[in-house]
Amino acid sequence: MPQLDTSSWFITALSTAITLFIMVQLKISLHNFPQTPSIKSVKLTKSNNPWELKWTKIYSPLSLPQQ
């Protein structure tokens, strides 16, 4: 049974990794990033909800008295 020649596997894997690295670097370098991000002003509007005017309490089932 003939032996598998693995002498070229290292250079193949290394060249593949280097090529992939260069392609990713080129892809990132061609991307246009914003230079200075602008700050957006956010206006909070206060809405009058009926449940904000009265006191409410949510009872947990474990805090209720035993029946």
PDB file of N, CA and C in Angstrom:
ATOM      1  N   MET A   1       0.861  -1.179   0.000  1.00  0.00           N
ATOM      2  CA  MET A   1       0.000   0.000   0.000  1.00  0.00           C
ATOM      3  C   MET A   1       0.900   1.233   0.000  1.00  0.00           C
ATOM      4  N   PRO A   2       0.697   2.172  -0.934  1.00  0.00           N
ATOM      5  CA  PRO A   2       1.589   3.337  -1.007  1.00  0.00           C
ATOM      6  C   PRO A   2       1.329   4.316   0.136  1.00  0.00           C
ATOM      7  N   GLN A   3       2.371   5.017   0.547  1.00  0.00           N
ATOM      8  CA  GLN A   3       2.267   6.016   1.612  1.00  0.00           C
ATOM      9  C   GLN A   3       1.755   7.332   1.020  1.00  0.00           C
ATOM     10  N   LEU A   4       0.991   8.070   1.827  1.00  0.00           N
ATOM     11  CA  LEU A   4       0.473   9.358   1.396  1.00  0.00           C
ATOM     12  C   LEU A   4       1.555  10.403   1.586  1.00  0.00           C
ATOM     13  N   ASP A   5       1.864  11.151   0.541  1.00  0.00           N
ATOM     14  CA  ASP A   5       2.903  12.183   0.607  1.00  0.00           C
ATOM     15  C   ASP A   5       2.324  13.436   1.246  1.00  0.00           C
ATOM     16  N   THR A   6       2.760  13.736   2.474  1.00  0.00           N
ATOM     17  CA  THR A   6       2.243  14.899   3.209  1.00  0.00           C
ATOM     18  C   THR A   6       3.258  16.026   3.261  1.00  0.00           C
ATOM     19  N   SER A   7       4.289  15.980   2.414  1.00  0.00           N
ATOM     20  CA  SER A   7       5.337  16.998   2.491  1.00  0.00           C
ATOM     21  C   SER A   7       4.841  18.372   2.037  1.00  0.00           C
ATOM     22  N   SER A   8       3.838  18.445   1.205  1.00  0.00           N
ATOM     23  CA  SER A   8       3.375  19.748   0.705  1.00  0.00           C
ATOM     24  C   SER A   8       2.185  20.290   1.497  1.00  0.00           C
ATOM     25  N   TRP A   9       1.714  19.565   2.490  1.00  0.00           N
ATOM     26  CA  TRP A   9       0.543  20.024   3.227  1.00  0.00           C
ATOM     27  C   TRP A   9       0.827  21.277   4.034  1.00  0.00           C
ATOM     28  N   PHE A  10       2.009  21.380   4.626  1.00  0.00           N
ATOM     29  CA  PHE A  10       2.318  22.550   5.455  1.00  0.00           C
ATOM     30  C   PHE A  10       2.323  23.813   4.608  1.00  0.00           C
ATOM     31  N   ILE A  11       2.987  23.802   3.478  1.00  0.00           N
ATOM     32  CA  ILE A  11       3.053  24.991   2.630  1.00  0.00           C
ATOM     33  C   ILE A  11       1.685  25.323   2.048  1.00  0.00           C
ATOM     34  N   THR A  12       0.867  24.314   1.790  1.00  0.00           N
ATOM     35  CA  THR A  12      -0.485  24.557   1.279  1.00  0.00           C
ATOM     36  C   THR A  12      -1.350  25.232   2.346  1.00  0.00           C
ATOM     37  N   ALA A  13      -1.296  24.733   3.561  1.00  0.00           N
ATOM     38  CA  ALA A  13      -2.079  25.327   4.648  1.00  0.00           C
ATOM     39  C   ALA A  13      -1.578  26.724   4.964  1.00  0.00           C
ATOM     40  N   LEU A  14      -0.268  26.922   4.955  1.00  0.00           N
ATOM     41  CA  LEU A  14       0.293  28.234   5.257  1.00  0.00           C
ATOM     42  C   LEU A  14      -0.083  29.243   4.183  1.00  0.00           C
ATOM     43  N   SER A  15       0.020  28.877   2.931  1.00  0.00           N
ATOM     44  CA  SER A  15      -0.334  29.818   1.860  1.00  0.00           C
ATOM     45  C   SER A  15      -1.827  30.117   1.845  1.00  0.00           C
ATOM     46  N   THR A  16      -2.637  29.131   2.207  1.00  0.00           N
ATOM     47  CA  THR A  16      -4.077  29.370   2.295  1.00  0.00           C
ATOM     48  C   THR A  16      -4.396  30.358   3.411  1.00  0.00           C
ATOM     49  N   ALA A  17      -3.752  30.195   4.566  1.00  0.00           N
ATOM     50  CA  ALA A  17      -3.986  31.102   5.691  1.00  0.00           C
ATOM     51  C   ALA A  17      -3.518  32.509   5.361  1.00  0.00           C
ATOM     52  N   ILE A  18      -2.378  32.639   4.713  1.00  0.00           N
ATOM     53  CA  ILE A  18      -1.870  33.967   4.356  1.00  0.00           C
ATOM     54  C   ILE A  18      -2.782  34.627   3.332  1.00  0.00           C
ATOM     55  N   THR A  19      -3.238  33.881   2.348  1.00  0.00           N
ATOM     56  CA  THR A  19      -4.149  34.426   1.340  1.00  0.00           C
ATOM     57  C   THR A  19      -5.459  34.873   1.965  1.00  0.00           C
ATOM     58  N   LEU A  20      -5.994  34.066   2.859  1.00  0.00           N
ATOM     59  CA  LEU A  20      -7.235  34.425   3.534  1.00  0.00           C
ATOM     60  C   LEU A  20      -7.051  35.683   4.377  1.00  0.00           C
ATOM     61  N   PHE A  21      -5.916  35.787   5.076  1.00  0.00           N
ATOM     62  CA  PHE A  21      -5.631  36.967   5.885  1.00  0.00           C
ATOM     63  C   PHE A  21      -5.545  38.216   5.009  1.00  0.00           C
ATOM     64  N   ILE A  22      -4.857  38.125   3.874  1.00  0.00           N
ATOM     65  CA  ILE A  22      -4.718  39.276   2.979  1.00  0.00           C
ATOM     66  C   ILE A  22      -6.075  39.681   2.402  1.00  0.00           C
ATOM     67  N   MET A  23      -6.892  38.713   2.046  1.00  0.00           N
ATOM     68  CA  MET A  23      -8.208  39.042   1.479  1.00  0.00           C
ATOM     69  C   MET A  23      -9.112  39.710   2.512  1.00  0.00           C
ATOM     70  N   VAL A  24      -9.055  39.251   3.755  1.00  0.00           N
ATOM     71  CA  VAL A  24      -9.856  39.880   4.814  1.00  0.00           C
ATOM     72  C   VAL A  24      -9.361  41.290   5.080  1.00  0.00           C
ATOM     73  N   GLN A  25      -8.036  41.480   5.090  1.00  0.00           N
ATOM     74  CA  GLN A  25      -7.487  42.815   5.304  1.00  0.00           C
ATOM     75  C   GLN A  25      -7.898  43.759   4.178  1.00  0.00           C
ATOM     76  N   LEU A  26      -7.875  43.297   2.948  1.00  0.00           N
ATOM     77  CA  LEU A  26      -8.301  44.136   1.831  1.00  0.00           C
ATOM     78  C   LEU A  26      -9.784  44.472   1.914  1.00  0.00           C
ATOM     79  N   LYS A  27     -10.572  43.497   2.316  1.00  0.00           N
ATOM     80  CA  LYS A  27     -12.013  43.729   2.443  1.00  0.00           C
ATOM     81  C   LYS A  27     -12.297  44.774   3.523  1.00  0.00           C
ATOM     82  N   ILE A  28     -11.584  44.699   4.641  1.00  0.00           N
ATOM     83  CA  ILE A  28     -11.786  45.658   5.725  1.00  0.00           C
ATOM     84  C   ILE A  28     -11.274  47.033   5.317  1.00  0.00           C
ATOM     85  N   SER A  29     -10.133  47.084   4.628  1.00  0.00           N
ATOM     86  CA  SER A  29      -9.550  48.383   4.280  1.00  0.00           C
ATOM     87  C   SER A  29     -10.385  49.122   3.238  1.00  0.00           C
ATOM     88  N   LEU A  30     -11.159  48.409   2.430  1.00  0.00           N
ATOM     89  CA  LEU A  30     -11.993  49.067   1.428  1.00  0.00           C
ATOM     90  C   LEU A  30     -13.348  49.503   1.979  1.00  0.00           C
ATOM     91  N   HIS A  31     -13.636  49.139   3.228  1.00  0.00           N
ATOM     92  CA  HIS A  31     -14.911  49.510   3.844  1.00  0.00           C
ATOM     93  C   HIS A  31     -14.842  50.951   4.321  1.00  0.00           C
ATOM     94  N   ASN A  32     -15.893  51.716   4.074  1.00  0.00           N
ATOM     95  CA  ASN A  32     -15.930  53.120   4.495  1.00  0.00           C
ATOM     96  C   ASN A  32     -16.576  53.230   5.866  1.00  0.00           C
ATOM     97  N   PHE A  33     -15.776  53.632   6.845  1.00  0.00           N
ATOM     98  CA  PHE A  33     -16.272  53.834   8.193  1.00  0.00           C
ATOM     99  C   PHE A  33     -16.551  55.323   8.399  1.00  0.00           C
ATOM    100  N   PRO A  34     -17.555  55.694   9.179  1.00  0.00           N
ATOM    101  CA  PRO A  34     -17.786  57.118   9.449  1.00  0.00           C
ATOM    102  C   PRO A  34     -16.644  57.688  10.295  1.00  0.00           C
ATOM    103  N   GLN A  35     -16.184  58.876   9.929  1.00  0.00           N
ATOM    104  CA  GLN A  35     -15.049  59.482  10.626  1.00  0.00           C
ATOM    105  C   GLN A  35     -15.435  59.939  12.030  1.00  0.00           C
ATOM    106  N   THR A  36     -16.461  60.782  12.118  1.00  0.00           N
ATOM    107  CA  THR A  36     -16.916  61.255  13.428  1.00  0.00           C
ATOM    108  C   THR A  36     -18.404  60.962  13.546  1.00  0.00           C
ATOM    109  N   PRO A  37     -18.778  60.048  14.378  1.00  0.00           N
ATOM    110  CA  PRO A  37     -20.211  59.760  14.529  1.00  0.00           C
ATOM    111  C   PRO A  37     -20.935  60.954  15.149  1.00  0.00           C
ATOM    112  N   SER A  38     -22.057  61.293  14.579  1.00  0.00           N
ATOM    113  CA  SER A  38     -22.815  62.436  15.079  1.00  0.00           C
ATOM    114  C   SER A  38     -23.690  62.001  16.252  1.00  0.00           C
ATOM    115  N   ILE A  39     -23.870  62.928  17.169  1.00  0.00           N
ATOM    116  CA  ILE A  39     -24.693  62.670  18.353  1.00  0.00           C
ATOM    117  C   ILE A  39     -26.128  63.063  18.032  1.00  0.00           C
ATOM    118  N   LYS A  40     -27.022  62.138  18.219  1.00  0.00           N
ATOM    119  CA  LYS A  40     -28.428  62.416  17.959  1.00  0.00           C
ATOM    120  C   LYS A  40     -29.096  62.852  19.257  1.00  0.00           C
ATOM    121  N   SER A  41     -29.857  63.915  19.171  1.00  0.00           N
ATOM    122  CA  SER A  41     -30.573  64.365  20.360  1.00  0.00           C
ATOM    123  C   SER A  41     -31.876  63.582  20.474  1.00  0.00           C
ATOM    124  N   VAL A  42     -32.121  63.098  21.657  1.00  0.00           N
ATOM    125  CA  VAL A  42     -33.316  62.293  21.897  1.00  0.00           C
ATOM    126  C   VAL A  42     -34.235  63.097  22.793  1.00  0.00           C
ATOM    127  N   LYS A  43     -35.435  63.363  22.299  1.00  0.00           N
ATOM    128  CA  LYS A  43     -36.426  64.088  23.095  1.00  0.00           C
ATOM    129  C   LYS A  43     -37.345  63.068  23.759  1.00  0.00           C
ATOM    130  N   LEU A  44     -37.398  63.130  25.059  1.00  0.00           N
ATOM    131  CA  LEU A  44     -38.289  62.238  25.790  1.00  0.00           C
ATOM    132  C   LEU A  44     -39.626  62.948  25.986  1.00  0.00           C
ATOM    133  N   THR A  45     -40.664  62.333  25.510  1.00  0.00           N
ATOM    134  CA  THR A  45     -41.992  62.919  25.684  1.00  0.00           C
ATOM    135  C   THR A  45     -42.673  62.222  26.852  1.00  0.00           C
ATOM    136  N   LYS A  46     -43.204  63.031  27.740  1.00  0.00           N
ATOM    137  CA  LYS A  46     -43.895  62.505  28.916  1.00  0.00           C
ATOM    138  C   LYS A  46     -45.362  62.299  28.564  1.00  0.00           C
ATOM    139  N   SER A  47     -45.816  61.073  28.649  1.00  0.00           N
ATOM    140  CA  SER A  47     -47.216  60.786  28.368  1.00  0.00           C
ATOM    141  C   SER A  47     -47.942  60.529  29.683  1.00  0.00           C
ATOM    142  N   ASN A  48     -49.140  61.012  29.748  1.00  0.00           N
ATOM    143  CA  ASN A  48     -49.950  60.830  30.951  1.00  0.00           C
ATOM    144  C   ASN A  48     -50.730  59.531  30.830  1.00  0.00           C
ATOM    145  N   ASN A  49     -50.314  58.560  31.583  1.00  0.00           N
ATOM    146  CA  ASN A  49     -51.001  57.276  31.594  1.00  0.00           C
ATOM    147  C   ASN A  49     -51.886  57.192  32.827  1.00  0.00           C
ATOM    148  N   PRO A  50     -53.052  56.594  32.709  1.00  0.00           N
ATOM    149  CA  PRO A  50     -53.962  56.554  33.865  1.00  0.00           C
ATOM    150  C   PRO A  50     -53.403  55.746  35.031  1.00  0.00           C
ATOM    151  N   TRP A  51     -52.553  54.761  34.768  1.00  0.00           N
ATOM    152  CA  TRP A  51     -52.037  53.957  35.864  1.00  0.00           C
ATOM    153  C   TRP A  51     -50.900  54.642  36.607  1.00  0.00           C
ATOM    154  N   GLU A  52     -50.395  55.755  36.084  1.00  0.00           N
ATOM    155  CA  GLU A  52     -49.345  56.481  36.804  1.00  0.00           C
ATOM    156  C   GLU A  52     -49.920  57.365  37.903  1.00  0.00           C
ATOM    157  N   LEU A  53     -51.211  57.637  37.848  1.00  0.00           N
ATOM    158  CA  LEU A  53     -51.818  58.539  38.818  1.00  0.00           C
ATOM    159  C   LEU A  53     -52.211  57.842  40.108  1.00  0.00           C
ATOM    160  N   LYS A  54     -52.412  56.560  40.068  1.00  0.00           N
ATOM    161  CA  LYS A  54     -52.843  55.876  41.273  1.00  0.00           C
ATOM    162  C   LYS A  54     -51.821  54.826  41.693  1.00  0.00           C
ATOM    163  N   TRP A  55     -51.857  54.487  42.977  1.00  0.00           N
ATOM    164  CA  TRP A  55     -50.915  53.535  43.526  1.00  0.00           C
ATOM    165  C   TRP A  55     -51.414  52.129  43.248  1.00  0.00           C
ATOM    166  N   THR A  56     -50.558  51.323  42.674  1.00  0.00           N
ATOM    167  CA  THR A  56     -50.940  49.938  42.407  1.00  0.00           C
ATOM    168  C   THR A  56     -49.885  49.017  42.988  1.00  0.00           C
ATOM    169  N   LYS A  57     -50.276  47.826  43.326  1.00  0.00           N
ATOM    170  CA  LYS A  57     -49.356  46.840  43.838  1.00  0.00           C
ATOM    171  C   LYS A  57     -49.688  45.496  43.202  1.00  0.00           C
ATOM    172  N   ILE A  58     -48.655  44.826  42.760  1.00  0.00           N
ATOM    173  CA  ILE A  58     -48.830  43.499  42.184  1.00  0.00           C
ATOM    174  C   ILE A  58     -48.467  42.488  43.258  1.00  0.00           C
ATOM    175  N   TYR A  59     -49.392  41.634  43.583  1.00  0.00           N
ATOM    176  CA  TYR A  59     -49.170  40.659  44.629  1.00  0.00           C
ATOM    177  C   TYR A  59     -48.560  39.397  44.042  1.00  0.00           C
ATOM    178  N   SER A  60     -47.514  38.957  44.658  1.00  0.00           N
ATOM    179  CA  SER A  60     -46.926  37.683  44.272  1.00  0.00           C
ATOM    180  C   SER A  60     -47.732  36.565  44.916  1.00  0.00           C
ATOM    181  N   PRO A  61     -47.939  35.476  44.219  1.00  0.00           N
ATOM    182  CA  PRO A  61     -48.716  34.381  44.817  1.00  0.00           C
ATOM    183  C   PRO A  61     -48.105  33.848  46.101  1.00  0.00           C
ATOM    184  N   LEU A  62     -46.799  33.948  46.243  1.00  0.00           N
ATOM    185  CA  LEU A  62     -46.169  33.434  47.450  1.00  0.00           C
ATOM    186  C   LEU A  62     -46.353  34.374  48.645  1.00  0.00           C
ATOM    187  N   SER A  63     -46.650  35.655  48.398  1.00  0.00           N
ATOM    188  CA  SER A  63     -46.799  36.590  49.504  1.00  0.00           C
ATOM    189  C   SER A  63     -48.240  36.692  50.008  1.00  0.00           C
ATOM    190  N   LEU A  64     -49.164  36.048  49.311  1.00  0.00           N
ATOM    191  CA  LEU A  64     -50.553  36.100  49.758  1.00  0.00           C
ATOM    192  C   LEU A  64     -50.748  35.180  50.975  1.00  0.00           C
ATOM    193  N   PRO A  65     -51.697  35.522  51.841  1.00  0.00           N
ATOM    194  CA  PRO A  65     -51.930  34.641  52.992  1.00  0.00           C
ATOM    195  C   PRO A  65     -52.488  33.292  52.554  1.00  0.00           C
ATOM    196  N   GLN A  66     -52.174  32.300  53.326  1.00  0.00           N
ATOM    197  CA  GLN A  66     -52.631  30.960  53.019  1.00  0.00           C
ATOM    198  C   GLN A  66     -54.135  30.849  53.231  1.00  0.00           C
ATOM    199  N   GLN A  67     -54.804  30.148  52.344  1.00  0.00           N
ATOM    200  CA  GLN A  67     -56.253  30.009  52.457  1.00  0.00           C
ATOM    201  C   GLN A  67     -56.630  28.690  53.073  1.00  0.00           C
TER     202      GLN A  67
END
